[in-house]
């Protein structure tokens, strides 16, 4: 079964709630591209942004962690309300985390 998971990264951040509201009925989940400025050059959302939106929407939240040391961020993003968390294997280094 196909799922529609629009990326919040494409939204106008100055009116994030309204932007998500526009697509809520058509989406199966919301995708948050989390970037730290190290693993990838851009910086985007922290857990606080996701937490501020969590109680306003019933859709599952997916946090795509494009970060260095993702292990330190899994719990904060889960607590903020991410139902699904994905990481890049190469961001874990040689430790096999």
PDB file of N, CA and C in Angstrom:
ATOM      1  N   UNK A   1       0.838  -1.174   0.000  1.00  0.00           N
ATOM      2  CA  UNK A   1       0.000   0.000   0.000  1.00  0.00           C
ATOM      3  C   UNK A   1       0.888   1.243   0.000  1.00  0.00           C
ATOM      4  N   UNK A   2       0.598   2.170  -0.870  1.00  0.00           N
ATOM      5  CA  UNK A   2       1.334   3.430  -0.934  1.00  0.00           C
ATOM      6  C   UNK A   2       0.866   4.382   0.146  1.00  0.00           C
ATOM      7  N   UNK A   3       1.783   5.164   0.646  1.00  0.00           N
ATOM      8  CA  UNK A   3       1.481   6.171   1.668  1.00  0.00           C
ATOM      9  C   UNK A   3       1.955   7.527   1.172  1.00  0.00           C
ATOM     10  N   UNK A   4       1.218   8.554   1.528  1.00  0.00           N
ATOM     11  CA  UNK A   4       1.611   9.922   1.202  1.00  0.00           C
ATOM     12  C   UNK A   4       2.192  10.547   2.458  1.00  0.00           C
ATOM     13  N   UNK A   5       3.469  10.965   2.350  1.00  0.00           N
ATOM     14  CA  UNK A   5       4.194  11.529   3.493  1.00  0.00           C
ATOM     15  C   UNK A   5       4.843  12.846   3.075  1.00  0.00           C
ATOM     16  N   UNK A   6       4.064  13.927   3.036  1.00  0.00           N
ATOM     17  CA  UNK A   6       4.649  15.204   2.625  1.00  0.00           C
ATOM     18  C   UNK A   6       5.725  15.666   3.600  1.00  0.00           C
ATOM     19  N   UNK A   7       6.768  16.250   3.032  1.00  0.00           N
ATOM     20  CA  UNK A   7       7.855  16.776   3.852  1.00  0.00           C
ATOM     21  C   UNK A   7       7.508  18.175   4.338  1.00  0.00           C
ATOM     22  N   UNK A   8       7.614  18.374   5.620  1.00  0.00           N
ATOM     23  CA  UNK A   8       7.353  19.681   6.217  1.00  0.00           C
ATOM     24  C   UNK A   8       8.409  20.685   5.756  1.00  0.00           C
ATOM     25  N   UNK A   9       9.536  20.202   5.276  1.00  0.00           N
ATOM     26  CA  UNK A   9      10.605  21.069   4.795  1.00  0.00           C
ATOM     27  C   UNK A   9      10.130  21.974   3.657  1.00  0.00           C
ATOM     28  N   UNK A  10       9.124  21.546   2.912  1.00  0.00           N
ATOM     29  CA  UNK A  10       8.609  22.335   1.796  1.00  0.00           C
ATOM     30  C   UNK A  10       7.649  23.436   2.239  1.00  0.00           C
ATOM     31  N   UNK A  11       7.306  23.483   3.511  1.00  0.00           N
ATOM     32  CA  UNK A  11       6.325  24.450   4.022  1.00  0.00           C
ATOM     33  C   UNK A  11       6.944  25.828   4.232  1.00  0.00           C
ATOM     34  N   UNK A  12       6.077  26.818   4.329  1.00  0.00           N
ATOM     35  CA  UNK A  12       6.476  28.168   4.742  1.00  0.00           C
ATOM     36  C   UNK A  12       6.556  28.145   6.263  1.00  0.00           C
ATOM     37  N   UNK A  13       7.758  28.236   6.806  1.00  0.00           N
ATOM     38  CA  UNK A  13       7.952  28.093   8.249  1.00  0.00           C
ATOM     39  C   UNK A  13       7.281  29.203   9.050  1.00  0.00           C
ATOM     40  N   UNK A  14       7.006  30.329   8.422  1.00  0.00           N
ATOM     41  CA  UNK A  14       6.379  31.426   9.162  1.00  0.00           C
ATOM     42  C   UNK A  14       4.918  31.137   9.492  1.00  0.00           C
ATOM     43  N   UNK A  15       4.346  30.142   8.831  1.00  0.00           N
ATOM     44  CA  UNK A  15       2.958  29.760   9.130  1.00  0.00           C
ATOM     45  C   UNK A  15       2.840  28.235   9.055  1.00  0.00           C
ATOM     46  N   UNK A  16       3.705  27.562   9.780  1.00  0.00           N
ATOM     47  CA  UNK A  16       3.828  26.107   9.710  1.00  0.00           C
ATOM     48  C   UNK A  16       2.524  25.385  10.037  1.00  0.00           C
ATOM     49  N   UNK A  17       1.837  25.801  11.082  1.00  0.00           N
ATOM     50  CA  UNK A  17       0.567  25.164  11.448  1.00  0.00           C
ATOM     51  C   UNK A  17      -0.411  25.220  10.274  1.00  0.00           C
ATOM     52  N   UNK A  18      -0.593  26.398   9.692  1.00  0.00           N
ATOM     53  CA  UNK A  18      -1.537  26.560   8.582  1.00  0.00           C
ATOM     54  C   UNK A  18      -1.121  25.737   7.361  1.00  0.00           C
ATOM     55  N   UNK A  19       0.164  25.675   7.103  1.00  0.00           N
ATOM     56  CA  UNK A  19       0.659  24.898   5.971  1.00  0.00           C
ATOM     57  C   UNK A  19       0.338  23.411   6.149  1.00  0.00           C
ATOM     58  N   UNK A  20       0.540  22.896   7.345  1.00  0.00           N
ATOM     59  CA  UNK A  20       0.243  21.478   7.598  1.00  0.00           C
ATOM     60  C   UNK A  20      -1.260  21.240   7.543  1.00  0.00           C
ATOM     61  N   UNK A  21      -2.036  22.160   8.071  1.00  0.00           N
ATOM     62  CA  UNK A  21      -3.500  22.039   8.051  1.00  0.00           C
ATOM     63  C   UNK A  21      -4.015  21.872   6.622  1.00  0.00           C
ATOM     64  N   UNK A  22      -3.401  22.575   5.669  1.00  0.00           N
ATOM     65  CA  UNK A  22      -3.827  22.518   4.265  1.00  0.00           C
ATOM     66  C   UNK A  22      -3.723  21.108   3.682  1.00  0.00           C
ATOM     67  N   UNK A  23      -2.738  20.348   4.103  1.00  0.00           N
ATOM     68  CA  UNK A  23      -2.498  19.036   3.495  1.00  0.00           C
ATOM     69  C   UNK A  23      -2.877  17.875   4.415  1.00  0.00           C
ATOM     70  N   UNK A  24      -3.303  18.183   5.613  1.00  0.00           N
ATOM     71  CA  UNK A  24      -3.563  17.147   6.614  1.00  0.00           C
ATOM     72  C   UNK A  24      -4.512  16.059   6.117  1.00  0.00           C
ATOM     73  N   UNK A  25      -5.588  16.430   5.466  1.00  0.00           N
ATOM     74  CA  UNK A  25      -6.589  15.438   5.059  1.00  0.00           C
ATOM     75  C   UNK A  25      -6.101  14.533   3.923  1.00  0.00           C
ATOM     76  N   UNK A  26      -5.081  14.947   3.207  1.00  0.00           N
ATOM     77  CA  UNK A  26      -4.558  14.160   2.087  1.00  0.00           C
ATOM     78  C   UNK A  26      -3.333  13.330   2.467  1.00  0.00           C
ATOM     79  N   UNK A  27      -2.761  13.585   3.632  1.00  0.00           N
ATOM     80  CA  UNK A  27      -1.509  12.928   4.025  1.00  0.00           C
ATOM     81  C   UNK A  27      -1.773  11.720   4.913  1.00  0.00           C
ATOM     82  N   UNK A  28      -0.888  10.734   4.812  1.00  0.00           N
ATOM     83  CA  UNK A  28      -0.939   9.575   5.704  1.00  0.00           C
ATOM     84  C   UNK A  28      -0.030   9.770   6.914  1.00  0.00           C
ATOM     85  N   UNK A  29       1.013  10.568   6.740  1.00  0.00           N
ATOM     86  CA  UNK A  29       1.916  10.921   7.833  1.00  0.00           C
ATOM     87  C   UNK A  29       2.679  12.172   7.433  1.00  0.00           C
ATOM     88  N   UNK A  30       3.304  12.823   8.404  1.00  0.00           N
ATOM     89  CA  UNK A  30       4.120  14.008   8.138  1.00  0.00           C
ATOM     90  C   UNK A  30       5.591  13.645   8.270  1.00  0.00           C
ATOM     91  N   UNK A  31       6.367  14.082   7.316  1.00  0.00           N
ATOM     92  CA  UNK A  31       7.797  13.770   7.262  1.00  0.00           C
ATOM     93  C   UNK A  31       8.595  15.021   7.633  1.00  0.00           C
ATOM     94  N   UNK A  32       9.409  14.900   8.675  1.00  0.00           N
ATOM     95  CA  UNK A  32      10.263  15.998   9.123  1.00  0.00           C
ATOM     96  C   UNK A  32      11.713  15.656   8.789  1.00  0.00           C
ATOM     97  N   UNK A  33      12.312  16.409   7.881  1.00  0.00           N
ATOM     98  CA  UNK A  33      13.727  16.237   7.560  1.00  0.00           C
ATOM     99  C   UNK A  33      14.533  17.013   8.595  1.00  0.00           C
ATOM    100  N   UNK A  34      15.188  16.293   9.483  1.00  0.00           N
ATOM    101  CA  UNK A  34      15.951  16.903  10.573  1.00  0.00           C
ATOM    102  C   UNK A  34      17.419  16.956  10.154  1.00  0.00           C
ATOM    103  N   UNK A  35      17.950  18.172  10.039  1.00  0.00           N
ATOM    104  CA  UNK A  35      19.328  18.361   9.585  1.00  0.00           C
ATOM    105  C   UNK A  35      20.094  19.167  10.624  1.00  0.00           C
ATOM    106  N   UNK A  36      21.352  18.764  10.860  1.00  0.00           N
ATOM    107  CA  UNK A  36      22.127  19.387  11.940  1.00  0.00           C
ATOM    108  C   UNK A  36      23.240  20.327  11.490  1.00  0.00           C
ATOM    109  N   UNK A  37      23.423  20.500  10.193  1.00  0.00           N
ATOM    110  CA  UNK A  37      24.490  21.366   9.716  1.00  0.00           C
ATOM    111  C   UNK A  37      25.859  20.701   9.712  1.00  0.00           C
ATOM    112  N   UNK A  38      25.934  19.432  10.130  1.00  0.00           N
ATOM    113  CA  UNK A  38      27.194  18.691  10.129  1.00  0.00           C
ATOM    114  C   UNK A  38      27.119  17.515   9.160  1.00  0.00           C
ATOM    115  N   UNK A  39      26.173  16.621   9.388  1.00  0.00           N
ATOM    116  CA  UNK A  39      26.019  15.466   8.497  1.00  0.00           C
ATOM    117  C   UNK A  39      25.594  15.929   7.108  1.00  0.00           C
ATOM    118  N   UNK A  40      24.747  16.928   7.073  1.00  0.00           N
ATOM    119  CA  UNK A  40      24.354  17.615   5.841  1.00  0.00           C
ATOM    120  C   UNK A  40      24.515  19.111   6.098  1.00  0.00           C
ATOM    121  N   UNK A  41      24.662  19.918   5.058  1.00  0.00           N
ATOM    122  CA  UNK A  41      24.981  21.326   5.286  1.00  0.00           C
ATOM    123  C   UNK A  41      23.842  22.196   5.833  1.00  0.00           C
ATOM    124  N   UNK A  42      22.621  21.800   5.689  1.00  0.00           N
ATOM    125  CA  UNK A  42      21.505  22.628   6.165  1.00  0.00           C
ATOM    126  C   UNK A  42      21.175  22.352   7.623  1.00  0.00           C
ATOM    127  N   UNK A  43      20.460  23.280   8.244  1.00  0.00           N
ATOM    128  CA  UNK A  43      19.945  23.119   9.606  1.00  0.00           C
ATOM    129  C   UNK A  43      18.433  23.300   9.531  1.00  0.00           C
ATOM    130  N   UNK A  44      17.689  22.382  10.158  1.00  0.00           N
ATOM    131  CA  UNK A  44      16.225  22.509  10.126  1.00  0.00           C
ATOM    132  C   UNK A  44      15.640  22.425  11.523  1.00  0.00           C
ATOM    133  N   UNK A  45      14.875  21.382  11.802  1.00  0.00           N
ATOM    134  CA  UNK A  45      14.054  21.271  13.003  1.00  0.00           C
ATOM    135  C   UNK A  45      14.776  20.622  14.168  1.00  0.00           C
ATOM    136  N   UNK A  46      14.441  21.068  15.362  1.00  0.00           N
ATOM    137  CA  UNK A  46      14.829  20.373  16.578  1.00  0.00           C
ATOM    138  C   UNK A  46      13.597  19.719  17.179  1.00  0.00           C
ATOM    139  N   UNK A  47      13.767  18.966  18.242  1.00  0.00           N
ATOM    140  CA  UNK A  47      12.626  18.302  18.871  1.00  0.00           C
ATOM    141  C   UNK A  47      11.557  19.279  19.355  1.00  0.00           C
ATOM    142  N   UNK A  48      11.955  20.495  19.693  1.00  0.00           N
ATOM    143  CA  UNK A  48      10.986  21.474  20.195  1.00  0.00           C
ATOM    144  C   UNK A  48       9.940  21.825  19.147  1.00  0.00           C
ATOM    145  N   UNK A  49      10.351  21.939  17.895  1.00  0.00           N
ATOM    146  CA  UNK A  49       9.397  22.259  16.822  1.00  0.00           C
ATOM    147  C   UNK A  49       8.397  21.119  16.666  1.00  0.00           C
ATOM    148  N   UNK A  50       8.888  19.904  16.634  1.00  0.00           N
ATOM    149  CA  UNK A  50       8.003  18.747  16.503  1.00  0.00           C
ATOM    150  C   UNK A  50       7.081  18.650  17.709  1.00  0.00           C
ATOM    151  N   UNK A  51       7.617  18.848  18.894  1.00  0.00           N
ATOM    152  CA  UNK A  51       6.802  18.811  20.106  1.00  0.00           C
ATOM    153  C   UNK A  51       5.710  19.862  20.111  1.00  0.00           C
ATOM    154  N   UNK A  52       5.991  21.030  19.549  1.00  0.00           N
ATOM    155  CA  UNK A  52       4.988  22.101  19.532  1.00  0.00           C
ATOM    156  C   UNK A  52       3.830  21.797  18.588  1.00  0.00           C
ATOM    157  N   UNK A  53       4.048  20.901  17.640  1.00  0.00           N
ATOM    158  CA  UNK A  53       3.008  20.544  16.668  1.00  0.00           C
ATOM    159  C   UNK A  53       2.285  19.243  17.014  1.00  0.00           C
ATOM    160  N   UNK A  54       2.902  18.415  17.839  1.00  0.00           N
ATOM    161  CA  UNK A  54       2.413  17.052  18.071  1.00  0.00           C
ATOM    162  C   UNK A  54       0.955  16.991  18.505  1.00  0.00           C
ATOM    163  N   UNK A  55       0.542  17.805  19.439  1.00  0.00           N
ATOM    164  CA  UNK A  55      -0.834  17.704  19.948  1.00  0.00           C
ATOM    165  C   UNK A  55      -1.860  18.378  19.039  1.00  0.00           C
ATOM    166  N   UNK A  56      -1.414  18.981  17.956  1.00  0.00           N
ATOM    167  CA  UNK A  56      -2.322  19.682  17.047  1.00  0.00           C
ATOM    168  C   UNK A  56      -2.752  18.836  15.851  1.00  0.00           C
ATOM    169  N   UNK A  57      -2.084  17.702  15.646  1.00  0.00           N
ATOM    170  CA  UNK A  57      -2.368  16.862  14.487  1.00  0.00           C
ATOM    171  C   UNK A  57      -2.431  15.397  14.897  1.00  0.00           C
ATOM    172  N   UNK A  58      -3.323  14.654  14.249  1.00  0.00           N
ATOM    173  CA  UNK A  58      -3.475  13.231  14.552  1.00  0.00           C
ATOM    174  C   UNK A  58      -2.639  12.332  13.645  1.00  0.00           C
ATOM    175  N   UNK A  59      -1.989  12.908  12.672  1.00  0.00           N
ATOM    176  CA  UNK A  59      -1.166  12.117  11.755  1.00  0.00           C
ATOM    177  C   UNK A  59       0.084  11.595  12.454  1.00  0.00           C
ATOM    178  N   UNK A  60       0.568  10.433  12.044  1.00  0.00           N
ATOM    179  CA  UNK A  60       1.873   9.992  12.542  1.00  0.00           C
ATOM    180  C   UNK A  60       2.957  10.968  12.072  1.00  0.00           C
ATOM    181  N   UNK A  61       3.958  11.173  12.902  1.00  0.00           N
ATOM    182  CA  UNK A  61       5.098  12.025  12.577  1.00  0.00           C
ATOM    183  C   UNK A  61       6.312  11.132  12.330  1.00  0.00           C
ATOM    184  N   UNK A  62       7.004  11.387  11.226  1.00  0.00           N
ATOM    185  CA  UNK A  62       8.243  10.676  10.923  1.00  0.00           C
ATOM    186  C   UNK A  62       9.406  11.653  11.003  1.00  0.00           C
ATOM    187  N   UNK A  63      10.371  11.360  11.837  1.00  0.00           N
ATOM    188  CA  UNK A  63      11.585  12.161  11.926  1.00  0.00           C
ATOM    189  C   UNK A  63      12.702  11.483  11.161  1.00  0.00           C
ATOM    190  N   UNK A  64      13.164  12.126  10.113  1.00  0.00           N
ATOM    191  CA  UNK A  64      14.259  11.602   9.289  1.00  0.00           C
ATOM    192  C   UNK A  64      15.525  12.311   9.757  1.00  0.00           C
ATOM    193  N   UNK A  65      16.310  11.639  10.584  1.00  0.00           N
ATOM    194  CA  UNK A  65      17.470  12.253  11.220  1.00  0.00           C
ATOM    195  C   UNK A  65      18.687  12.212  10.302  1.00  0.00           C
ATOM    196  N   UNK A  66      18.952  13.330   9.665  1.00  0.00           N
ATOM    197  CA  UNK A  66      20.152  13.490   8.842  1.00  0.00           C
ATOM    198  C   UNK A  66      21.160  14.242   9.700  1.00  0.00           C
ATOM    199  N   UNK A  67      21.668  13.545  10.710  1.00  0.00           N
ATOM    200  CA  UNK A  67      22.499  14.168  11.738  1.00  0.00           C
ATOM    201  C   UNK A  67      23.713  13.298  12.045  1.00  0.00           C
ATOM    202  N   UNK A  68      24.746  13.931  12.578  1.00  0.00           N
ATOM    203  CA  UNK A  68      25.894  13.215  13.113  1.00  0.00           C
ATOM    204  C   UNK A  68      25.500  12.678  14.485  1.00  0.00           C
ATOM    205  N   UNK A  69      25.925  11.506  14.830  1.00  0.00           N
ATOM    206  CA  UNK A  69      25.593  10.886  16.124  1.00  0.00           C
ATOM    207  C   UNK A  69      24.079  10.781  16.346  1.00  0.00           C
ATOM    208  N   UNK A  70      23.364  10.097  15.466  1.00  0.00           N
ATOM    209  CA  UNK A  70      21.908  10.026  15.603  1.00  0.00           C
ATOM    210  C   UNK A  70      21.445   9.372  16.895  1.00  0.00           C
ATOM    211  N   UNK A  71      22.272   8.508  17.478  1.00  0.00           N
ATOM    212  CA  UNK A  71      21.880   7.838  18.714  1.00  0.00           C
ATOM    213  C   UNK A  71      21.526   8.797  19.836  1.00  0.00           C
ATOM    214  N   UNK A  72      22.175   9.952  19.869  1.00  0.00           N
ATOM    215  CA  UNK A  72      21.878  10.924  20.925  1.00  0.00           C
ATOM    216  C   UNK A  72      20.564  11.661  20.689  1.00  0.00           C
ATOM    217  N   UNK A  73      19.989  11.528  19.497  1.00  0.00           N
ATOM    218  CA  UNK A  73      18.772  12.267  19.161  1.00  0.00           C
ATOM    219  C   UNK A  73      17.516  11.407  19.105  1.00  0.00           C
ATOM    220  N   UNK A  74      17.656  10.104  19.105  1.00  0.00           N
ATOM    221  CA  UNK A  74      16.483   9.239  18.974  1.00  0.00           C
ATOM    222  C   UNK A  74      15.499   9.462  20.118  1.00  0.00           C
ATOM    223  N   UNK A  75      15.953   9.425  21.340  1.00  0.00           N
ATOM    224  CA  UNK A  75      15.048   9.601  22.489  1.00  0.00           C
ATOM    225  C   UNK A  75      14.426  10.997  22.505  1.00  0.00           C
ATOM    226  N   UNK A  76      15.185  12.086  22.324  1.00  0.00           N
ATOM    227  CA  UNK A  76      14.537  13.404  22.314  1.00  0.00           C
ATOM    228  C   UNK A  76      13.457  13.547  21.234  1.00  0.00           C
ATOM    229  N   UNK A  77      13.702  12.996  20.054  1.00  0.00           N
ATOM    230  CA  UNK A  77      12.688  13.105  19.001  1.00  0.00           C
ATOM    231  C   UNK A  77      11.503  12.179  19.265  1.00  0.00           C
ATOM    232  N   UNK A  78      11.741  11.024  19.831  1.00  0.00           N
ATOM    233  CA  UNK A  78      10.629  10.142  20.211  1.00  0.00           C
ATOM    234  C   UNK A  78       9.777  10.814  21.287  1.00  0.00           C
ATOM    235  N   UNK A  79      10.406  11.403  22.272  1.00  0.00           N
ATOM    236  CA  UNK A  79       9.658  12.108  23.328  1.00  0.00           C
ATOM    237  C   UNK A  79       8.902  13.309  22.786  1.00  0.00           C
ATOM    238  N   UNK A  80       9.447  13.943  21.756  1.00  0.00           N
ATOM    239  CA  UNK A  80       8.782  15.099  21.151  1.00  0.00           C
ATOM    240  C   UNK A  80       7.544  14.690  20.365  1.00  0.00           C
ATOM    241  N   UNK A  81       7.459  13.406  19.998  1.00  0.00           N
ATOM    242  CA  UNK A  81       6.261  12.944  19.309  1.00  0.00           C
ATOM    243  C   UNK A  81       6.468  12.240  17.991  1.00  0.00           C
ATOM    244  N   UNK A  82       7.701  11.940  17.616  1.00  0.00           N
ATOM    245  CA  UNK A  82       7.919  11.183  16.379  1.00  0.00           C
ATOM    246  C   UNK A  82       7.488   9.736  16.591  1.00  0.00           C
ATOM    247  N   UNK A  83       6.620   9.271  15.717  1.00  0.00           N
ATOM    248  CA  UNK A  83       6.156   7.884  15.759  1.00  0.00           C
ATOM    249  C   UNK A  83       7.121   6.960  15.023  1.00  0.00           C
ATOM    250  N   UNK A  84       7.800   7.515  14.034  1.00  0.00           N
ATOM    251  CA  UNK A  84       8.761   6.784  13.213  1.00  0.00           C
ATOM    252  C   UNK A  84      10.038   7.620  13.185  1.00  0.00           C
ATOM    253  N   UNK A  85      11.178   6.973  13.357  1.00  0.00           N
ATOM    254  CA  UNK A  85      12.457   7.677  13.269  1.00  0.00           C
ATOM    255  C   UNK A  85      13.358   6.881  12.343  1.00  0.00           C
ATOM    256  N   UNK A  86      13.887   7.568  11.332  1.00  0.00           N
ATOM    257  CA  UNK A  86      14.824   6.921  10.420  1.00  0.00           C
ATOM    258  C   UNK A  86      16.169   7.637  10.511  1.00  0.00           C
ATOM    259  N   UNK A  87      17.235   6.860  10.337  1.00  0.00           N
ATOM    260  CA  UNK A  87      18.581   7.424  10.365  1.00  0.00           C
ATOM    261  C   UNK A  87      19.360   6.906   9.164  1.00  0.00           C
ATOM    262  N   UNK A  88      20.484   7.527   8.899  1.00  0.00           N
ATOM    263  CA  UNK A  88      21.397   7.067   7.860  1.00  0.00           C
ATOM    264  C   UNK A  88      22.451   6.191   8.516  1.00  0.00           C
ATOM    265  N   UNK A  89      22.614   4.985   8.025  1.00  0.00           N
ATOM    266  CA  UNK A  89      23.597   4.071   8.588  1.00  0.00           C
ATOM    267  C   UNK A  89      25.000   4.649   8.607  1.00  0.00           C
ATOM    268  N   UNK A  90      25.348   5.394   7.558  1.00  0.00           N
ATOM    269  CA  UNK A  90      26.700   5.949   7.490  1.00  0.00           C
ATOM    270  C   UNK A  90      26.939   7.048   8.523  1.00  0.00           C
ATOM    271  N   UNK A  91      25.877   7.566   9.133  1.00  0.00           N
ATOM    272  CA  UNK A  91      26.048   8.591  10.170  1.00  0.00           C
ATOM    273  C   UNK A  91      26.483   7.984  11.499  1.00  0.00           C
ATOM    274  N   UNK A  92      26.462   6.665  11.582  1.00  0.00           N
ATOM    275  CA  UNK A  92      26.848   5.981  12.823  1.00  0.00           C
ATOM    276  C   UNK A  92      28.335   5.668  12.876  1.00  0.00           C
ATOM    277  N   UNK A  93      29.077   5.971  11.835  1.00  0.00           N
ATOM    278  CA  UNK A  93      30.508   5.695  11.825  1.00  0.00           C
ATOM    279  C   UNK A  93      30.783   4.210  11.733  1.00  0.00           C
ATOM    280  N   UNK A  94      31.891   3.794  12.304  1.00  0.00           N
ATOM    281  CA  UNK A  94      32.303   2.395  12.247  1.00  0.00           C
ATOM    282  C   UNK A  94      31.839   1.590  13.447  1.00  0.00           C
ATOM    283  N   UNK A  95      31.053   2.205  14.327  1.00  0.00           N
ATOM    284  CA  UNK A  95      30.672   1.517  15.564  1.00  0.00           C
ATOM    285  C   UNK A  95      29.571   0.503  15.362  1.00  0.00           C
ATOM    286  N   UNK A  96      28.834   0.599  14.245  1.00  0.00           N
ATOM    287  CA  UNK A  96      27.737  -0.328  14.012  1.00  0.00           C
ATOM    288  C   UNK A  96      26.567  -0.105  14.942  1.00  0.00           C
ATOM    289  N   UNK A  97      26.408   1.128  15.420  1.00  0.00           N
ATOM    290  CA  UNK A  97      25.298   1.442  16.343  1.00  0.00           C
ATOM    291  C   UNK A  97      23.966   1.032  15.772  1.00  0.00           C
TER     292      UNK A  97
END
